[in-house]
PDB file of N, CA and C in Angstrom:
ATOM      1  N   MET A   1       0.850  -1.162   0.000  1.00  0.00           N
ATOM      2  CA  MET A   1       0.000   0.000   0.000  1.00  0.00           C
ATOM      3  C   MET A   1       0.904   1.236   0.000  1.00  0.00           C
ATOM      4  N   SER A   2       0.598   2.164  -0.859  1.00  0.00           N
ATOM      5  CA  SER A   2       1.418   3.361  -0.956  1.00  0.00           C
ATOM      6  C   SER A   2       1.109   4.328   0.189  1.00  0.00           C
ATOM      7  N   VAL A   3       1.959   5.302   0.347  1.00  0.00           N
ATOM      8  CA  VAL A   3       1.803   6.277   1.418  1.00  0.00           C
ATOM      9  C   VAL A   3       0.541   7.112   1.208  1.00  0.00           C
ATOM     10  N   GLY A   4       0.240   7.461  -0.037  1.00  0.00           N
ATOM     11  CA  GLY A   4      -0.949   8.264  -0.317  1.00  0.00           C
ATOM     12  C   GLY A   4      -2.240   7.539   0.024  1.00  0.00           C
ATOM     13  N   VAL A   5      -2.303   6.260  -0.292  1.00  0.00           N
ATOM     14  CA  VAL A   5      -3.511   5.481   0.004  1.00  0.00           C
ATOM     15  C   VAL A   5      -3.654   5.297   1.510  1.00  0.00           C
ATOM     16  N   ALA A   6      -2.536   5.051   2.181  1.00  0.00           N
ATOM     17  CA  ALA A   6      -2.584   4.901   3.639  1.00  0.00           C
ATOM     18  C   ALA A   6      -3.007   6.206   4.307  1.00  0.00           C
ATOM     19  N   THR A   7      -2.510   7.321   3.810  1.00  0.00           N
ATOM     20  CA  THR A   7      -2.890   8.622   4.355  1.00  0.00           C
ATOM     21  C   THR A   7      -4.375   8.886   4.132  1.00  0.00           C
ATOM     22  N   ALA A   8      -4.861   8.581   2.948  1.00  0.00           N
ATOM     23  CA  ALA A   8      -6.284   8.774   2.655  1.00  0.00           C
ATOM     24  C   ALA A   8      -7.150   7.876   3.541  1.00  0.00           C
ATOM     25  N   ALA A   9      -6.702   6.653   3.802  1.00  0.00           N
ATOM     26  CA  ALA A   9      -7.457   5.752   4.668  1.00  0.00           C
ATOM     27  C   ALA A   9      -7.497   6.278   6.099  1.00  0.00           C
ATOM     28  N   ILE A  10      -6.379   6.798   6.580  1.00  0.00           N
ATOM     29  CA  ILE A  10      -6.339   7.344   7.937  1.00  0.00           C
ATOM     30  C   ILE A  10      -7.240   8.572   8.044  1.00  0.00           C
ATOM     31  N   ILE A  11      -7.180   9.443   7.053  1.00  0.00           N
ATOM     32  CA  ILE A  11      -8.017  10.644   7.075  1.00  0.00           C
ATOM     33  C   ILE A  11      -9.496  10.274   7.013  1.00  0.00           C
ATOM     34  N   SER A  12      -9.851   9.312   6.165  1.00  0.00           N
ATOM     35  CA  SER A  12     -11.255   8.879   6.082  1.00  0.00           C
ATOM     36  C   SER A  12     -11.709   8.247   7.389  1.00  0.00           C
ATOM     37  N   GLY A  13     -10.832   7.481   8.011  1.00  0.00           N
ATOM     38  CA  GLY A  13     -11.175   6.892   9.305  1.00  0.00           C
ATOM     39  C   GLY A  13     -11.385   7.946  10.375  1.00  0.00           C
ATOM     40  N   LEU A  14     -10.564   8.986  10.360  1.00  0.00           N
ATOM     41  CA  LEU A  14     -10.730  10.078  11.318  1.00  0.00           C
ATOM     42  C   LEU A  14     -12.009  10.867  11.057  1.00  0.00           C
ATOM     43  N   VAL A  15     -12.383  11.010   9.787  1.00  0.00           N
ATOM     44  CA  VAL A  15     -13.637  11.688   9.449  1.00  0.00           C
ATOM     45  C   VAL A  15     -14.823  10.873   9.962  1.00  0.00           C
ATOM     46  N   VAL A  16     -14.771   9.555   9.809  1.00  0.00           N
ATOM     47  CA  VAL A  16     -15.840   8.700  10.332  1.00  0.00           C
ATOM     48  C   VAL A  16     -15.916   8.829  11.851  1.00  0.00           C
ATOM     49  N   LEU A  17     -14.779   8.772  12.503  1.00  0.00           N
ATOM     50  CA  LEU A  17     -14.749   8.890  13.959  1.00  0.00           C
ATOM     51  C   LEU A  17     -15.278  10.249  14.422  1.00  0.00           C
ATOM     52  N   GLY A  18     -14.887  11.302  13.741  1.00  0.00           N
ATOM     53  CA  GLY A  18     -15.389  12.627  14.088  1.00  0.00           C
ATOM     54  C   GLY A  18     -16.887  12.752  13.887  1.00  0.00           C
ATOM     55  N   GLY A  19     -17.393  12.162  12.811  1.00  0.00           N
ATOM     56  CA  GLY A  19     -18.839  12.184  12.571  1.00  0.00           C
ATOM     57  C   GLY A  19     -19.609  11.427  13.627  1.00  0.00           C
ATOM     58  N   VAL A  20     -19.084  10.283  14.055  1.00  0.00           N
ATOM     59  CA  VAL A  20     -19.754   9.506  15.101  1.00  0.00           C
ATOM     60  C   VAL A  20     -19.732  10.268  16.422  1.00  0.00           C
ATOM     61  N   ILE A  21     -18.604  10.874  16.743  1.00  0.00           N
ATOM     62  CA  ILE A  21     -18.515  11.639  17.990  1.00  0.00           C
ATOM     63  C   ILE A  21     -19.481  12.820  17.959  1.00  0.00           C
ATOM     64  N   LEU A  22     -19.545  13.529  16.833  1.00  0.00           N
ATOM     65  CA  LEU A  22     -20.472  14.652  16.719  1.00  0.00           C
ATOM     66  C   LEU A  22     -21.916  14.188  16.813  1.00  0.00           C
ATOM     67  N   PHE A  23     -22.232  13.072  16.191  1.00  0.00           N
ATOM     68  CA  PHE A  23     -23.597  12.541  16.224  1.00  0.00           C
ATOM     69  C   PHE A  23     -24.004  12.174  17.643  1.00  0.00           C
ATOM     70  N   VAL A  24     -23.105  11.516  18.368  1.00  0.00           N
ATOM     71  CA  VAL A  24     -23.427  11.089  19.732  1.00  0.00           C
ATOM     72  C   VAL A  24     -23.480  12.286  20.674  1.00  0.00           C
ATOM     73  N   ALA A  25     -22.550  13.221  20.521  1.00  0.00           N
ATOM     74  CA  ALA A  25     -22.502  14.371  21.432  1.00  0.00           C
ATOM     75  C   ALA A  25     -23.676  15.319  21.219  1.00  0.00           C
ATOM     76  N   ALA A  26     -24.179  15.416  20.008  1.00  0.00           N
ATOM     77  CA  ALA A  26     -25.242  16.370  19.712  1.00  0.00           C
ATOM     78  C   ALA A  26     -26.635  15.761  19.769  1.00  0.00           C
ATOM     79  N   SER A  27     -26.736  14.471  20.065  1.00  0.00           N
ATOM     80  CA  SER A  27     -28.060  13.849  20.081  1.00  0.00           C
ATOM     81  C   SER A  27     -28.860  14.361  21.272  1.00  0.00           C
ATOM     82  N   PRO A  28     -30.140  14.601  21.055  1.00  0.00           N
ATOM     83  CA  PRO A  28     -30.968  15.110  22.151  1.00  0.00           C
ATOM     84  C   PRO A  28     -31.168  14.032  23.216  1.00  0.00           C
ATOM     85  N   THR A  29     -30.933  14.390  24.467  1.00  0.00           N
ATOM     86  CA  THR A  29     -31.051  13.427  25.552  1.00  0.00           C
ATOM     87  C   THR A  29     -32.180  13.773  26.514  1.00  0.00           C
ATOM     88  N   GLY A  30     -32.924  14.821  26.247  1.00  0.00           N
ATOM     89  CA  GLY A  30     -34.017  15.212  27.134  1.00  0.00           C
ATOM     90  C   GLY A  30     -35.178  14.250  27.050  1.00  0.00           C
ATOM     91  N   THR A  31     -35.964  14.220  28.087  1.00  0.00           N
ATOM     92  CA  THR A  31     -37.141  13.358  28.083  1.00  0.00           C
ATOM     93  C   THR A  31     -38.288  14.063  27.364  1.00  0.00           C
ATOM     94  N   ALA A  32     -39.169  13.286  26.852  1.00  0.00           N
ATOM     95  CA  ALA A  32     -40.308  13.840  26.126  1.00  0.00           C
ATOM     96  C   ALA A  32     -41.275  14.499  27.093  1.00  0.00           C
ATOM     97  N   SER A  33     -41.922  15.551  26.635  1.00  0.00           N
ATOM     98  CA  SER A  33     -42.866  16.267  27.488  1.00  0.00           C
ATOM     99  C   SER A  33     -44.305  15.820  27.233  1.00  0.00           C
ATOM    100  N   PHE A  34     -44.488  14.725  26.582  1.00  0.00           N
ATOM    101  CA  PHE A  34     -45.831  14.210  26.324  1.00  0.00           C
ATOM    102  C   PHE A  34     -45.851  12.732  26.695  1.00  0.00           C
ATOM    103  N   GLY A  35     -47.019  12.164  26.815  1.00  0.00           N
ATOM    104  CA  GLY A  35     -47.131  10.763  27.192  1.00  0.00           C
ATOM    105  C   GLY A  35     -48.151  10.038  26.334  1.00  0.00           C
ATOM    106  N   TRP A  36     -48.145   8.730  26.486  1.00  0.00           N
ATOM    107  CA  TRP A  36     -49.081   7.888  25.750  1.00  0.00           C
ATOM    108  C   TRP A  36     -50.109   7.361  26.737  1.00  0.00           C
ATOM    109  N   PHE A  37     -51.334   7.214  26.278  1.00  0.00           N
ATOM    110  CA  PHE A  37     -52.411   6.731  27.110  1.00  0.00           C
ATOM    111  C   PHE A  37     -52.978   5.461  26.509  1.00  0.00           C
ATOM    112  N   ALA A  38     -53.622   4.670  27.333  1.00  0.00           N
ATOM    113  CA  ALA A  38     -54.205   3.414  26.871  1.00  0.00           C
ATOM    114  C   ALA A  38     -55.522   3.635  26.150  1.00  0.00           C
ATOM    115  N   TYR A  39     -56.071   4.811  26.207  1.00  0.00           N
ATOM    116  CA  TYR A  39     -57.343   5.090  25.550  1.00  0.00           C
ATOM    117  C   TYR A  39     -57.266   6.450  24.873  1.00  0.00           C
ATOM    118  N   GLN A  40     -58.113   6.642  23.944  1.00  0.00           N
ATOM    119  CA  GLN A  40     -58.202   7.928  23.255  1.00  0.00           C
ATOM    120  C   GLN A  40     -59.246   8.772  23.962  1.00  0.00           C
ATOM    121  N   PRO A  41     -58.828   9.897  24.527  1.00  0.00           N
ATOM    122  CA  PRO A  41     -59.836  10.766  25.143  1.00  0.00           C
ATOM    123  C   PRO A  41     -60.814  11.276  24.075  1.00  0.00           C
ATOM    124  N   ILE A  42     -62.007  11.562  24.490  1.00  0.00           N
ATOM    125  CA  ILE A  42     -63.009  12.052  23.560  1.00  0.00           C
ATOM    126  C   ILE A  42     -62.610  13.466  23.145  1.00  0.00           C
ATOM    127  N   ALA A  43     -62.196  13.580  21.917  1.00  0.00           N
ATOM    128  CA  ALA A  43     -61.753  14.878  21.405  1.00  0.00           C
ATOM    129  C   ALA A  43     -61.978  14.895  19.904  1.00  0.00           C
ATOM    130  N   GLY A  44     -62.155  16.068  19.391  1.00  0.00           N
ATOM    131  CA  GLY A  44     -62.381  16.200  17.964  1.00  0.00           C
ATOM    132  C   GLY A  44     -61.115  16.506  17.181  1.00  0.00           C
ATOM    133  N   ALA A  45     -60.006  16.669  17.865  1.00  0.00           N
ATOM    134  CA  ALA A  45     -58.765  17.037  17.182  1.00  0.00           C
ATOM    135  C   ALA A  45     -57.647  16.078  17.568  1.00  0.00           C
ATOM    136  N   ALA A  46     -56.721  15.917  16.674  1.00  0.00           N
ATOM    137  CA  ALA A  46     -55.549  15.081  16.941  1.00  0.00           C
ATOM    138  C   ALA A  46     -54.449  15.936  17.563  1.00  0.00           C
ATOM    139  N   PHE A  47     -53.643  15.320  18.384  1.00  0.00           N
ATOM    140  CA  PHE A  47     -52.554  16.031  19.057  1.00  0.00           C
ATOM    141  C   PHE A  47     -51.251  15.775  18.317  1.00  0.00           C
ATOM    142  N   PHE A  48     -50.602  16.829  17.880  1.00  0.00           N
ATOM    143  CA  PHE A  48     -49.298  16.753  17.246  1.00  0.00           C
ATOM    144  C   PHE A  48     -48.343  17.660  18.016  1.00  0.00           C
ATOM    145  N   PRO A  49     -47.386  17.099  18.719  1.00  0.00           N
ATOM    146  CA  PRO A  49     -46.462  17.954  19.465  1.00  0.00           C
ATOM    147  C   PRO A  49     -45.601  18.761  18.505  1.00  0.00           C
ATOM    148  N   GLY A  50     -45.537  20.068  18.728  1.00  0.00           N
ATOM    149  CA  GLY A  50     -44.794  20.937  17.828  1.00  0.00           C
ATOM    150  C   GLY A  50     -43.297  20.929  18.053  1.00  0.00           C
ATOM    151  N   SER A  51     -42.853  20.517  19.229  1.00  0.00           N
ATOM    152  CA  SER A  51     -41.427  20.587  19.514  1.00  0.00           C
ATOM    153  C   SER A  51     -40.732  19.243  19.387  1.00  0.00           C
ATOM    154  N   LEU A  52     -41.370  18.266  18.809  1.00  0.00           N
ATOM    155  CA  LEU A  52     -40.762  16.954  18.662  1.00  0.00           C
ATOM    156  C   LEU A  52     -39.797  16.977  17.480  1.00  0.00           C
ATOM    157  N   VAL A  53     -38.524  16.834  17.763  1.00  0.00           N
ATOM    158  CA  VAL A  53     -37.492  16.837  16.729  1.00  0.00           C
ATOM    159  C   VAL A  53     -36.718  15.539  16.844  1.00  0.00           C
ATOM    160  N   VAL A  54     -36.714  14.765  15.782  1.00  0.00           N
ATOM    161  CA  VAL A  54     -35.993  13.497  15.811  1.00  0.00           C
ATOM    162  C   VAL A  54     -34.500  13.737  15.624  1.00  0.00           C
ATOM    163  N   LEU A  55     -34.138  14.543  14.655  1.00  0.00           N
ATOM    164  CA  LEU A  55     -32.737  14.881  14.408  1.00  0.00           C
ATOM    165  C   LEU A  55     -32.574  16.398  14.448  1.00  0.00           C
ATOM    166  N   THR A  56     -31.658  16.837  15.240  1.00  0.00           N
ATOM    167  CA  THR A  56     -31.325  18.257  15.230  1.00  0.00           C
ATOM    168  C   THR A  56     -30.386  18.513  14.054  1.00  0.00           C
ATOM    169  N   PRO A  57     -30.209  19.747  13.653  1.00  0.00           N
ATOM    170  CA  PRO A  57     -29.283  20.013  12.548  1.00  0.00           C
ATOM    171  C   PRO A  57     -27.857  19.544  12.833  1.00  0.00           C
ATOM    172  N   LEU A  58     -27.433  19.604  14.088  1.00  0.00           N
ATOM    173  CA  LEU A  58     -26.078  19.171  14.422  1.00  0.00           C
ATOM    174  C   LEU A  58     -25.930  17.648  14.344  1.00  0.00           C
ATOM    175  N   THR A  59     -26.962  16.900  14.749  1.00  0.00           N
ATOM    176  CA  THR A  59     -26.881  15.451  14.621  1.00  0.00           C
ATOM    177  C   THR A  59     -26.962  15.027  13.154  1.00  0.00           C
ATOM    178  N   ALA A  60     -27.739  15.751  12.362  1.00  0.00           N
ATOM    179  CA  ALA A  60     -27.784  15.451  10.924  1.00  0.00           C
ATOM    180  C   ALA A  60     -26.431  15.730  10.276  1.00  0.00           C
ATOM    181  N   ALA A  61     -25.756  16.788  10.711  1.00  0.00           N
ATOM    182  CA  ALA A  61     -24.417  17.076  10.181  1.00  0.00           C
ATOM    183  C   ALA A  61     -23.435  15.992  10.592  1.00  0.00           C
ATOM    184  N   GLY A  62     -23.535  15.508  11.816  1.00  0.00           N
ATOM    185  CA  GLY A  62     -22.671  14.413  12.255  1.00  0.00           C
ATOM    186  C   GLY A  62     -22.892  13.149  11.444  1.00  0.00           C
ATOM    187  N   ALA A  63     -24.146  12.841  11.151  1.00  0.00           N
ATOM    188  CA  ALA A  63     -24.453  11.670  10.331  1.00  0.00           C
ATOM    189  C   ALA A  63     -23.924  11.846   8.910  1.00  0.00           C
ATOM    190  N   ALA A  64     -24.054  13.057   8.354  1.00  0.00           N
ATOM    191  CA  ALA A  64     -23.562  13.309   6.997  1.00  0.00           C
ATOM    192  C   ALA A  64     -22.042  13.216   6.938  1.00  0.00           C
ATOM    193  N   ILE A  65     -21.360  13.710   7.953  1.00  0.00           N
ATOM    194  CA  ILE A  65     -19.897  13.618   7.991  1.00  0.00           C
ATOM    195  C   ILE A  65     -19.469  12.160   8.099  1.00  0.00           C
ATOM    196  N   CYS A  66     -20.167  11.390   8.920  1.00  0.00           N
ATOM    197  CA  CYS A  66     -19.853   9.967   9.049  1.00  0.00           C
ATOM    198  C   CYS A  66     -20.061   9.226   7.727  1.00  0.00           C
ATOM    199  N   VAL A  67     -21.130   9.531   7.036  1.00  0.00           N
ATOM    200  CA  VAL A  67     -21.403   8.891   5.740  1.00  0.00           C
ATOM    201  C   VAL A  67     -20.330   9.278   4.717  1.00  0.00           C
ATOM    202  N   ALA A  68     -19.893  10.533   4.735  1.00  0.00           N
ATOM    203  CA  ALA A  68     -18.842  10.959   3.811  1.00  0.00           C
ATOM    204  C   ALA A  68     -17.548  10.206   4.077  1.00  0.00           C
ATOM    205  N   GLY A  69     -17.214   9.995   5.335  1.00  0.00           N
ATOM    206  CA  GLY A  69     -16.025   9.218   5.665  1.00  0.00           C
ATOM    207  C   GLY A  69     -16.155   7.765   5.248  1.00  0.00           C
ATOM    208  N   LEU A  70     -17.349   7.199   5.421  1.00  0.00           N
ATOM    209  CA  LEU A  70     -17.563   5.814   4.995  1.00  0.00           C
ATOM    210  C   LEU A  70     -17.478   5.664   3.479  1.00  0.00           C
ATOM    211  N   VAL A  71     -17.961   6.670   2.757  1.00  0.00           N
ATOM    212  CA  VAL A  71     -17.834   6.643   1.296  1.00  0.00           C
ATOM    213  C   VAL A  71     -16.356   6.686   0.905  1.00  0.00           C
ATOM    214  N   GLY A  72     -15.584   7.524   1.591  1.00  0.00           N
ATOM    215  CA  GLY A  72     -14.150   7.583   1.328  1.00  0.00           C
ATOM    216  C   GLY A  72     -13.466   6.255   1.592  1.00  0.00           C
ATOM    217  N   LEU A  73     -13.815   5.594   2.705  1.00  0.00           N
ATOM    218  CA  LEU A  73     -13.241   4.281   2.984  1.00  0.00           C
ATOM    219  C   LEU A  73     -13.667   3.249   1.945  1.00  0.00           C
ATOM    220  N   GLY A  74     -14.893   3.349   1.464  1.00  0.00           N
ATOM    221  CA  GLY A  74     -15.347   2.436   0.417  1.00  0.00           C
ATOM    222  C   GLY A  74     -14.608   2.639  -0.890  1.00  0.00           C
ATOM    223  N   VAL A  75     -14.338   3.891  -1.226  1.00  0.00           N
ATOM    224  CA  VAL A  75     -13.574   4.173  -2.446  1.00  0.00           C
ATOM    225  C   VAL A  75     -12.165   3.615  -2.334  1.00  0.00           C
ATOM    226  N   ILE A  76     -11.551   3.785  -1.182  1.00  0.00           N
ATOM    227  CA  ILE A  76     -10.192   3.270  -0.979  1.00  0.00           C
ATOM    228  C   ILE A  76     -10.189   1.745  -1.031  1.00  0.00           C
ATOM    229  N   ALA A  77     -11.174   1.109  -0.396  1.00  0.00           N
ATOM    230  CA  ALA A  77     -11.250  -0.352  -0.436  1.00  0.00           C
ATOM    231  C   ALA A  77     -11.466  -0.851  -1.863  1.00  0.00           C
ATOM    232  N   GLY A  78     -12.313  -0.183  -2.624  1.00  0.00           N
ATOM    233  CA  GLY A  78     -12.521  -0.570  -4.020  1.00  0.00           C
ATOM    234  C   GLY A  78     -11.275  -0.382  -4.857  1.00  0.00           C
ATOM    235  N   PHE A  79     -10.547   0.681  -4.588  1.00  0.00           N
ATOM    236  CA  PHE A  79      -9.300   0.923  -5.309  1.00  0.00           C
ATOM    237  C   PHE A  79      -8.288  -0.177  -5.010  1.00  0.00           C
ATOM    238  N   LEU A  80      -8.167  -0.541  -3.739  1.00  0.00           N
ATOM    239  CA  LEU A  80      -7.200  -1.581  -3.382  1.00  0.00           C
ATOM    240  C   LEU A  80      -7.608  -2.943  -3.919  1.00  0.00           C
ATOM    241  N   LEU A  81      -8.894  -3.246  -3.903  1.00  0.00           N
ATOM    242  CA  LEU A  81      -9.351  -4.518  -4.468  1.00  0.00           C
ATOM    243  C   LEU A  81      -9.187  -4.544  -5.985  1.00  0.00           C
ATOM    244  N   GLY A  82      -9.404  -3.407  -6.622  1.00  0.00           N
ATOM    245  CA  GLY A  82      -9.246  -3.341  -8.076  1.00  0.00           C
ATOM    246  C   GLY A  82      -7.795  -3.485  -8.517  1.00  0.00           C
ATOM    247  N   ARG A  83      -6.868  -3.011  -7.697  1.00  0.00           N
ATOM    248  CA  ARG A  83      -5.458  -3.145  -8.038  1.00  0.00           C
ATOM    249  C   ARG A  83      -4.965  -4.562  -7.894  1.00  0.00           C
ATOM    250  N   CYS A  84      -5.619  -5.360  -7.059  1.00  0.00           N
ATOM    251  CA  CYS A  84      -5.170  -6.733  -6.827  1.00  0.00           C
ATOM    252  C   CYS A  84      -5.600  -7.686  -7.939  1.00  0.00           C
ATOM    253  N   ARG A  85      -6.545  -7.305  -8.748  1.00  0.00           N
ATOM    254  CA  ARG A  85      -7.049  -8.179  -9.806  1.00  0.00           C
ATOM    255  C   ARG A  85      -6.089  -8.219 -10.986  1.00  0.00           C
ATOM    256  N   SER A  86      -5.895  -9.389 -11.538  1.00  0.00           N
ATOM    257  CA  SER A  86      -5.068  -9.482 -12.751  1.00  0.00           C
ATOM    258  C   SER A  86      -5.957  -9.395 -13.976  1.00  0.00           C
ATOM    259  N   ILE A  87      -5.391  -8.933 -15.069  1.00  0.00           N
ATOM    260  CA  ILE A  87      -6.140  -8.768 -16.302  1.00  0.00           C
ATOM    261  C   ILE A  87      -6.103 -10.038 -17.146  1.00  0.00           C
ATOM    262  N   ASP A  88      -5.182 -10.959 -16.870  1.00  0.00           N
ATOM    263  CA  ASP A  88      -5.080 -12.209 -17.630  1.00  0.00           C
ATOM    264  C   ASP A  88      -6.324 -13.065 -17.413  1.00  0.00           C
ATOM    265  N   ARG A  89      -6.799 -13.624 -18.524  1.00  0.00           N
ATOM    266  CA  ARG A  89      -7.984 -14.489 -18.429  1.00  0.00           C
ATOM    267  C   ARG A  89      -7.686 -15.845 -18.911  1.00  0.00           C
TER     268      ARG A  89
END
């Protein structure tokens, strides 16, 4: 493996690690302010909590950074596997 490929693999691995750390550190850990009931109260309207956010912008950025690093590692793995193949048939 050449120095350039090894450097690219290390950088991609660090990008994946940074994305995972950002995703975990920025994930919302607060408890929900609503609850579930065993019955539907008699009401004419449905309840939709306005502050329910599954992914914050920072956690989405962490996931995107992690995916970018994984794509980089996949490209490097494909490059290394492609170099190992012989053309003789």
